[in-house]
Amino acid sequence: MNEPHTNRATLLDAQLRFAEIALDAYIDAYAQGAKMYWAMWGPMGQMGIDAVEVMQNTQHHYLEHLRDTAEERIEAWSRARS
């Protein structure tokens, strides 16, 4: 009976680890490249750099919320198994 909860928790944990490692690195790498591109425009590119920073911060906050939600679900499933 607890098998589906265990499988879901395992899958959610794997997704959480992926988000922590790969997506954080991807977001930062993309933002770095985009900032370099906009920096080539000189002062006119500052608005683009600001937009990229907003996007980067928004994505990191979203991943943080996703992690918190996933951890809460894993804890709830663990309590339900007990």
Protein backbone atom coordinates (compact mmCIF):
# COMPACT_ATOMS: atom_id res chain seq x y z
CA MET A 1 0.00 0.00 0.00
CA ASN A 2 2.86 2.38 0.71
CA GLU A 3 4.64 1.50 -2.53
CA PRO A 4 3.17 4.40 -4.61
CA HIS A 5 4.15 6.92 -1.93
CA THR A 6 7.68 5.54 -1.83
CA ASN A 7 7.97 5.68 -5.62
CA ARG A 8 6.64 9.23 -5.73
CA ALA A 9 8.99 10.34 -2.96
CA THR A 10 11.95 8.77 -4.73
CA LEU A 11 11.04 10.41 -8.04
CA LEU A 12 10.43 13.76 -6.38
CA ASP A 13 13.77 13.51 -4.58
CA ALA A 14 15.54 12.80 -7.89
CA GLN A 15 13.83 15.77 -9.52
CA LEU A 16 14.78 17.95 -6.59
CA ARG A 17 18.44 16.94 -6.86
CA PHE A 18 18.35 17.65 -10.60
CA ALA A 19 16.94 21.10 -9.95
CA GLU A 20 19.59 21.82 -7.35
CA ILE A 21 22.49 20.89 -9.60
CA ALA A 22 21.63 21.20 -13.26
CA LEU A 23 19.01 23.92 -13.39
CA ASP A 24 20.87 26.30 -11.07
CA ALA A 25 23.98 25.91 -13.20
CA TYR A 26 21.98 26.30 -16.43
CA ILE A 27 20.27 29.47 -15.24
CA ASP A 28 23.56 31.00 -14.14
CA ALA A 29 25.35 30.05 -17.38
CA TYR A 30 22.53 31.42 -19.52
CA ALA A 31 22.43 34.64 -17.53
CA GLN A 32 26.19 35.08 -17.77
CA GLY A 33 26.12 34.69 -21.54
CA ALA A 34 23.17 37.04 -21.92
CA LYS A 35 24.83 39.68 -19.74
CA MET A 36 27.99 39.45 -21.83
CA TYR A 37 25.93 39.97 -24.98
CA TRP A 38 24.15 43.01 -23.57
CA ALA A 39 27.41 44.42 -22.20
CA MET A 40 28.68 44.62 -25.80
CA TRP A 41 26.01 47.25 -26.42
CA GLY A 42 27.68 49.55 -23.90
CA PRO A 43 25.43 51.84 -21.88
CA MET A 44 22.45 51.02 -24.11
CA GLY A 45 22.68 47.38 -23.02
CA GLN A 46 22.20 48.12 -19.33
CA MET A 47 18.44 47.66 -19.59
CA GLY A 48 19.03 44.21 -21.10
CA ILE A 49 21.45 43.32 -18.30
CA ASP A 50 18.91 44.45 -15.71
CA ALA A 51 16.21 42.33 -17.36
CA VAL A 52 18.49 39.27 -17.36
CA GLU A 53 19.23 39.77 -13.66
CA VAL A 54 15.51 39.97 -12.90
CA MET A 55 14.94 36.77 -14.88
CA GLN A 56 17.82 35.04 -13.09
CA ASN A 57 16.55 36.03 -9.63
CA THR A 58 12.98 35.05 -10.53
CA GLN A 59 14.09 31.61 -11.74
CA HIS A 60 16.17 31.03 -8.61
CA HIS A 61 13.24 32.03 -6.37
CA TYR A 62 10.96 29.69 -8.32
CA LEU A 63 13.41 26.78 -7.88
CA GLU A 64 13.72 27.58 -4.18
CA HIS A 65 9.91 27.48 -3.83
CA LEU A 66 9.81 24.24 -5.82
CA ARG A 67 12.43 22.67 -3.54
CA ASP A 68 10.56 23.74 -0.40
CA THR A 69 7.30 22.36 -1.74
CA ALA A 70 8.93 19.08 -2.77
CA GLU A 71 10.61 18.67 0.62
CA GLU A 72 7.27 19.26 2.35
CA ARG A 73 5.62 16.58 0.19
CA ILE A 74 8.41 14.09 0.85
CA GLU A 75 8.09 14.72 4.60
CA ALA A 76 4.31 14.32 4.42
CA TRP A 77 4.64 11.01 2.55
CA SER A 78 7.21 9.82 5.07
CA ARG A 79 4.84 10.66 7.94
CA ALA A 80 2.00 8.89 6.14
CA ARG A 81 4.12 5.74 5.84
CA SER A 82 4.79 5.70 9.57
